C-alpha atoms as a PDB file:
ATOM      1  CA  MET A   1      -0.124   0.030  -0.312  1.00  0.00           C
ATOM      2  CA  THR A   2       1.091   3.411  -0.457  1.00  0.00           C
ATOM      3  CA  ALA A   3       1.761   6.325   1.908  1.00  0.00           C
ATOM      4  CA  SER A   4      -0.586   9.282   1.099  1.00  0.00           C
ATOM      5  CA  VAL A   5      -0.532  13.047   2.534  1.00  0.00           C
ATOM      6  CA  ASP A   6      -3.770  14.885   3.485  1.00  0.00           C
ATOM      7  CA  ALA A   7      -3.843  18.844   4.566  1.00  0.00           C
ATOM      8  CA  GLN A   8      -2.230  18.237   7.912  1.00  0.00           C
ATOM      9  CA  THR A   9       0.739  16.156   6.804  1.00  0.00           C
ATOM     10  CA  ILE A  10       4.059  18.369   7.863  1.00  0.00           C
ATOM     11  CA  MET A  11       6.099  19.418   5.159  1.00  0.00           C
ATOM     12  CA  LYS A  12       8.577  17.014   6.321  1.00  0.00           C
ATOM     13  CA  ARG A  13       6.687  13.850   5.862  1.00  0.00           C
ATOM     14  CA  VAL A  14       5.707  15.557   2.971  1.00  0.00           C
ATOM     15  CA  LEU A  15       9.145  15.126   2.065  1.00  0.00           C
ATOM     16  CA  GLU A  16       9.198  11.788   2.941  1.00  0.00           C
ATOM     17  CA  VAL A  17       6.868   9.995   1.331  1.00  0.00           C
ATOM     18  CA  PHE A  18       6.974  11.720  -1.909  1.00  0.00           C
ATOM     19  CA  PRO A  19      11.005  12.300  -2.332  1.00  0.00           C
ATOM     20  CA  GLY A  20       9.752  14.302  -5.536  1.00  0.00           C
ATOM     21  CA  ALA A  21       7.476  16.730  -4.010  1.00  0.00           C
ATOM     22  CA  GLN A  22       9.848  19.974  -3.637  1.00  0.00           C
ATOM     23  CA  ARG A  23      10.273  20.159  -7.216  1.00  0.00           C
ATOM     24  CA  ALA A  24       6.739  19.142  -7.945  1.00  0.00           C
ATOM     25  CA  LEU A  25       5.883  22.425  -5.751  1.00  0.00           C
ATOM     26  CA  PHE A  26       9.009  24.541  -7.280  1.00  0.00           C
ATOM     27  CA  ARG A  27       7.975  23.537 -10.755  1.00  0.00           C
ATOM     28  CA  HIS A  28       4.176  24.288 -10.666  1.00  0.00           C
ATOM     29  CA  TYR A  29       3.567  26.952  -8.102  1.00  0.00           C
ATOM     30  CA  HIS A  30       7.164  28.454  -7.645  1.00  0.00           C
ATOM     31  CA  ILE A  31       7.067  27.046  -3.764  1.00  0.00           C
ATOM     32  CA  GLY A  32       9.997  25.709  -2.071  1.00  0.00           C
ATOM     33  CA  GLY A  33      12.904  27.017  -4.698  1.00  0.00           C
ATOM     34  CA  CYS A  34      14.374  29.952  -3.209  1.00  0.00           C
ATOM     35  CA  ALA A  35      14.112  32.188   0.791  1.00  0.00           C
ATOM     36  CA  SER A  36      11.336  34.153  -0.376  1.00  0.00           C
ATOM     37  CA  CYS A  37       9.703  30.499  -1.055  1.00  0.00           C
ATOM     38  CA  ALA A  38      10.707  28.341   1.140  1.00  0.00           C
ATOM     39  CA  PHE A  39       8.403  26.134   3.249  1.00  0.00           C
ATOM     40  CA  GLN A  40       9.605  24.670   6.967  1.00  0.00           C
ATOM     41  CA  PRO A  41       9.790  21.059   7.568  1.00  0.00           C
ATOM     42  CA  ASP A  42       7.094  21.695  10.527  1.00  0.00           C
ATOM     43  CA  GLU A  43       4.558  23.654   8.074  1.00  0.00           C
ATOM     44  CA  THR A  44       1.248  21.643   7.271  1.00  0.00           C
ATOM     45  CA  LEU A  45       0.739  21.395   3.703  1.00  0.00           C
ATOM     46  CA  SER A  46      -2.710  23.119   4.749  1.00  0.00           C
ATOM     47  CA  ALA A  47      -0.839  26.268   6.344  1.00  0.00           C
ATOM     48  CA  LEU A  48       1.286  26.117   2.973  1.00  0.00           C
ATOM     49  CA  CYS A  49      -1.829  26.367   0.892  1.00  0.00           C
ATOM     50  CA  VAL A  50      -3.243  28.815   3.047  1.00  0.00           C
ATOM     51  CA  ARG A  51      -0.240  31.070   2.675  1.00  0.00           C
ATOM     52  CA  ASN A  52      -0.216  30.416  -1.207  1.00  0.00           C
ATOM     53  CA  ASN A  53      -3.601  30.681  -1.934  1.00  0.00           C
ATOM     54  CA  LEU A  54      -3.547  26.789  -3.295  1.00  0.00           C
ATOM     55  CA  LYS A  55      -6.592  24.429  -2.599  1.00  0.00           C
ATOM     56  CA  VAL A  56      -4.803  21.072  -1.110  1.00  0.00           C
ATOM     57  CA  GLU A  57      -6.621  18.812  -3.203  1.00  0.00           C
ATOM     58  CA  GLU A  58      -5.411  20.303  -5.839  1.00  0.00           C
ATOM     59  CA  VAL A  59      -1.729  20.727  -4.790  1.00  0.00           C
ATOM     60  CA  ILE A  60      -1.854  16.894  -3.423  1.00  0.00           C
ATOM     61  CA  ARG A  61      -2.768  16.320  -6.775  1.00  0.00           C
ATOM     62  CA  GLN A  62       0.224  17.613  -8.296  1.00  0.00           C
ATOM     63  CA  ILE A  63       2.692  16.260  -6.032  1.00  0.00           C
ATOM     64  CA  GLU A  64       1.175  12.516  -6.754  1.00  0.00           C
ATOM     65  CA  THR A  65       0.812  13.109 -10.342  1.00  0.00           C
ATOM     66  CA  SER A  66       4.198  14.203 -10.332  1.00  0.00           C
ATOM     67  CA  HIS A  67       5.718  11.838  -7.932  1.00  0.00           C
ATOM     68  CA  ALA A  68       4.068   8.931 -11.042  1.00  0.00           C
ATOM     69  CA  GLN A  69       6.141  10.788 -13.388  1.00  0.00           C
ATOM     70  CA  ASP A  70       9.536  10.632 -11.046  1.00  0.00           C
ATOM     71  CA  LEU A  71       8.685   6.707 -10.891  1.00  0.00           C
ATOM     72  CA  GLU A  72       9.023   6.089 -14.936  1.00  0.00           C
ATOM     73  CA  LEU A  73      12.061   8.458 -14.693  1.00  0.00           C
ATOM     74  CA  GLU A  74      13.922   5.415 -12.527  1.00  0.00           C
ATOM     75  CA  ILE A  75      15.836   2.830 -13.500  1.00  0.00           C
ATOM     76  CA  ALA A  76      16.082  -0.252 -11.438  1.00  0.00           C
ATOM     77  CA  PRO A  77      19.782  -1.150 -10.384  1.00  0.00           C
ATOM     78  CA  ASP A  78      19.468  -4.766 -12.400  1.00  0.00           C
ATOM     79  CA  GLU A  79      18.087  -3.034 -15.545  1.00  0.00           C
ATOM     80  CA  LEU A  80      20.696  -0.518 -15.743  1.00  0.00           C
ATOM     81  CA  ALA A  81      23.458  -3.498 -14.991  1.00  0.00           C
ATOM     82  CA  LYS A  82      22.349  -5.235 -17.800  1.00  0.00           C
ATOM     83  CA  LEU A  83      21.999  -2.193 -20.217  1.00  0.00           C
ATOM     84  CA  LEU A  84      25.704  -1.303 -19.377  1.00  0.00           C
ATOM     85  CA  GLN A  85      27.112  -4.947 -20.425  1.00  0.00           C
ATOM     86  CA  ALA A  86      25.137  -4.283 -23.663  1.00  0.00           C
ATOM     87  CA  GLY A  87      27.224  -1.110 -23.774  1.00  0.00           C
ATOM     88  CA  GLY A  88      25.768   2.417 -25.311  1.00  0.00           C
ATOM     89  CA  VAL A  89      24.938   3.507 -21.683  1.00  0.00           C
ATOM     90  CA  HIS A  90      26.104   7.095 -20.716  1.00  0.00           C
ATOM     91  CA  LEU A  91      26.760   6.909 -17.344  1.00  0.00           C
ATOM     92  CA  VAL A  92      26.604  10.204 -15.072  1.00  0.00           C
ATOM     93  CA  ASP A  93      27.755  10.475 -11.058  1.00  0.00           C
ATOM     94  CA  VAL A  94      25.961  13.513  -9.716  1.00  0.00           C
ATOM     95  CA  ARG A  95      27.739  13.234  -6.302  1.00  0.00           C
ATOM     96  CA  SER A  96      30.441  15.337  -4.930  1.00  0.00           C
ATOM     97  CA  ARG A  97      33.889  14.548  -6.515  1.00  0.00           C
ATOM     98  CA  GLU A  98      35.289  13.562  -2.672  1.00  0.00           C
ATOM     99  CA  GLU A  99      32.189  10.782  -3.036  1.00  0.00           C
ATOM    100  CA  PHE A 100      32.771   9.852  -6.895  1.00  0.00           C
ATOM    101  CA  GLU A 101      36.904   9.556  -5.771  1.00  0.00           C
ATOM    102  CA  ALA A 102      36.061   7.252  -2.736  1.00  0.00           C
ATOM    103  CA  THR A 103      34.199   4.938  -4.966  1.00  0.00           C
ATOM    104  CA  HIS A 104      31.973   4.962  -7.836  1.00  0.00           C
ATOM    105  CA  ILE A 105      30.502   2.846 -10.960  1.00  0.00           C
ATOM    106  CA  GLU A 106      32.383   1.676 -13.058  1.00  0.00           C
ATOM    107  CA  SER A 107      32.380   3.800 -16.893  1.00  0.00           C
ATOM    108  CA  ALA A 108      30.775   6.463 -14.763  1.00  0.00           C
ATOM    109  CA  VAL A 109      31.727   9.911 -15.077  1.00  0.00           C
ATOM    110  CA  LEU A 110      31.649  12.562 -12.867  1.00  0.00           C
ATOM    111  CA  LEU A 111      29.434  15.642 -13.740  1.00  0.00           C
ATOM    112  CA  SER A 112      31.855  18.816 -13.756  1.00  0.00           C
ATOM    113  CA  GLN A 113      31.316  22.214 -15.347  1.00  0.00           C
ATOM    114  CA  PRO A 114      33.543  20.291 -18.123  1.00  0.00           C
ATOM    115  CA  VAL A 115      31.801  17.505 -18.527  1.00  0.00           C
ATOM    116  CA  MET A 116      28.171  19.457 -18.450  1.00  0.00           C
ATOM    117  CA  GLN A 117      29.750  21.281 -21.574  1.00  0.00           C
ATOM    118  CA  ASP A 118      31.188  18.224 -23.034  1.00  0.00           C
ATOM    119  CA  ILE A 119      27.213  16.989 -23.030  1.00  0.00           C
ATOM    120  CA  LEU A 120      25.350  19.624 -23.427  1.00  0.00           C
ATOM    121  CA  GLY A 121      27.578  20.365 -27.183  1.00  0.00           C
ATOM    122  CA  LYS A 122      28.361  17.056 -27.957  1.00  0.00           C
ATOM    123  CA  TRP A 123      26.551  13.832 -25.979  1.00  0.00           C
ATOM    124  CA  SER A 124      23.232  12.720 -28.871  1.00  0.00           C
ATOM    125  CA  ARG A 125      20.188  13.811 -27.182  1.00  0.00           C
ATOM    126  CA  THR A 126      18.836  10.599 -28.085  1.00  0.00           C
ATOM    127  CA  ASP A 127      21.014   7.975 -26.115  1.00  0.00           C
ATOM    128  CA  LEU A 128      20.426   6.909 -22.893  1.00  0.00           C
ATOM    129  CA  MET A 129      21.805   8.838 -19.911  1.00  0.00           C
ATOM    130  CA  VAL A 130      21.539   7.373 -16.753  1.00  0.00           C
ATOM    131  CA  LEU A 131      22.476   9.450 -13.608  1.00  0.00           C
ATOM    132  CA  TYR A 132      22.360   8.964 -10.160  1.00  0.00           C
ATOM    133  CA  ASP A 133      23.505  10.116  -7.109  1.00  0.00           C
ATOM    134  CA  HIS A 134      23.839   8.416  -3.273  1.00  0.00           C
ATOM    135  CA  ARG A 135      20.240   7.364  -2.737  1.00  0.00           C
ATOM    136  CA  GLY A 136      18.429   8.157  -5.740  1.00  0.00           C
ATOM    137  CA  GLN A 137      16.722  11.743  -4.681  1.00  0.00           C
ATOM    138  CA  LYS A 138      19.367  14.492  -6.440  1.00  0.00           C
ATOM    139  CA  SER A 139      19.703  12.605  -9.694  1.00  0.00           C
ATOM    140  CA  LEU A 140      16.281  13.144 -10.483  1.00  0.00           C
ATOM    141  CA  ASP A 141      16.419  16.882 -10.325  1.00  0.00           C
ATOM    142  CA  ALA A 142      19.471  16.249 -12.515  1.00  0.00           C
ATOM    143  CA  ALA A 143      17.061  14.186 -14.720  1.00  0.00           C
ATOM    144  CA  ALA A 144      14.603  16.961 -15.098  1.00  0.00           C
ATOM    145  CA  TYR A 145      17.458  19.541 -16.158  1.00  0.00           C
ATOM    146  CA  PHE A 146      18.837  17.342 -19.110  1.00  0.00           C
ATOM    147  CA  ILE A 147      15.163  16.809 -20.373  1.00  0.00           C
ATOM    148  CA  GLY A 148      14.344  20.680 -20.271  1.00  0.00           C
ATOM    149  CA  GLN A 149      17.580  20.576 -22.783  1.00  0.00           C
ATOM    150  CA  GLY A 150      16.558  18.423 -24.906  1.00  0.00           C
ATOM    151  CA  PHE A 151      17.464  15.103 -23.926  1.00  0.00           C
ATOM    152  CA  ARG A 152      15.025  12.635 -24.687  1.00  0.00           C
ATOM    153  CA  ASN A 153      16.031   9.483 -23.434  1.00  0.00           C
ATOM    154  CA  VAL A 154      17.358  10.183 -19.413  1.00  0.00           C
ATOM    155  CA  ARG A 155      16.577   8.502 -16.202  1.00  0.00           C
ATOM    156  CA  GLY A 156      17.653   8.197 -12.661  1.00  0.00           C
ATOM    157  CA  LEU A 157      19.132   5.192 -10.604  1.00  0.00           C
ATOM    158  CA  ARG A 158      16.630   4.251  -8.593  1.00  0.00           C
ATOM    159  CA  GLY A 159      17.943   3.881  -4.412  1.00  0.00           C
ATOM    160  CA  GLY A 160      21.378   5.747  -6.353  1.00  0.00           C
ATOM    161  CA  ILE A 161      24.625   3.973  -5.698  1.00  0.00           C
ATOM    162  CA  ASP A 162      23.235   3.088  -2.211  1.00  0.00           C
ATOM    163  CA  ALA A 163      21.070   0.453  -4.301  1.00  0.00           C
ATOM    164  CA  TRP A 164      23.410  -0.435  -6.978  1.00  0.00           C
ATOM    165  CA  SER A 165      26.100  -1.772  -3.875  1.00  0.00           C
ATOM    166  CA  ARG A 166      23.680  -3.865  -2.108  1.00  0.00           C
ATOM    167  CA  GLU A 167      21.787  -5.312  -5.354  1.00  0.00           C
ATOM    168  CA  VAL A 168      24.454  -5.014  -8.066  1.00  0.00           C
ATOM    169  CA  ASP A 169      27.892  -4.941  -6.814  1.00  0.00           C
ATOM    170  CA  ARG A 170      29.008  -5.144  -2.990  1.00  0.00           C
ATOM    171  CA  LYS A 171      32.342  -4.617  -3.497  1.00  0.00           C
ATOM    172  CA  ILE A 172      31.029  -0.765  -3.622  1.00  0.00           C
ATOM    173  CA  PRO A 173      31.479   0.127  -0.094  1.00  0.00           C
ATOM    174  CA  ARG A 174      28.269   1.267   1.043  1.00  0.00           C
ATOM    175  CA  TYR A 175      28.254   4.895   3.029  1.00  0.00           C
ATOM    176  CA  ARG A 176      26.344   7.137   4.944  1.00  0.00           C
ATOM    177  CA  VAL A 177      26.806  11.471   4.511  1.00  0.00           C
ATOM    178  CA  GLU A 178      27.299  13.063   7.465  1.00  0.00           C
ATOM    179  CA  LEU A 179      25.426  16.612   7.015  1.00  0.00           C
ATOM    180  CA  SER A 180      27.365  19.348   9.111  1.00  0.00           C
ATOM    181  CA  ALA A 181      25.222  22.107  10.777  1.00  0.00           C
END
């Protein structure tokens, strides 16, 4: 059974249930993308909607629709493994340089400014590009960016390198990212 949210759900929980909710809110309502339109983790969905003159039911439908679209953009680790064996996949790591240097999936390139310029200027807009991060959340933001740039075959690795190391290649060490205060 899929978890759901309602008007009294706090935004922290909304983001746990629907990891792409902030992207959806920003894309459709310009909410949550900057300091002037930010929301607080303990703010209810109802309070957010009142403050922005929106209908809760409409916002929930939009978040659910965006979530379904996110799921379509994801690729399972085992599916990616098969495609990598066959060749023809551009694999892009969107984590930090430190994370990439510590461990990465073989054949991946780290997304940097020069790599970004190469992708935008030289890569085919129809070839399969798979992006991954630590746990599969930020890669969908990057996928949305590349789709906006005209790339038509972009996916995000479901669960990120963490899922890859559990399901495909156990030699890749799992790790936790410590956030500094």
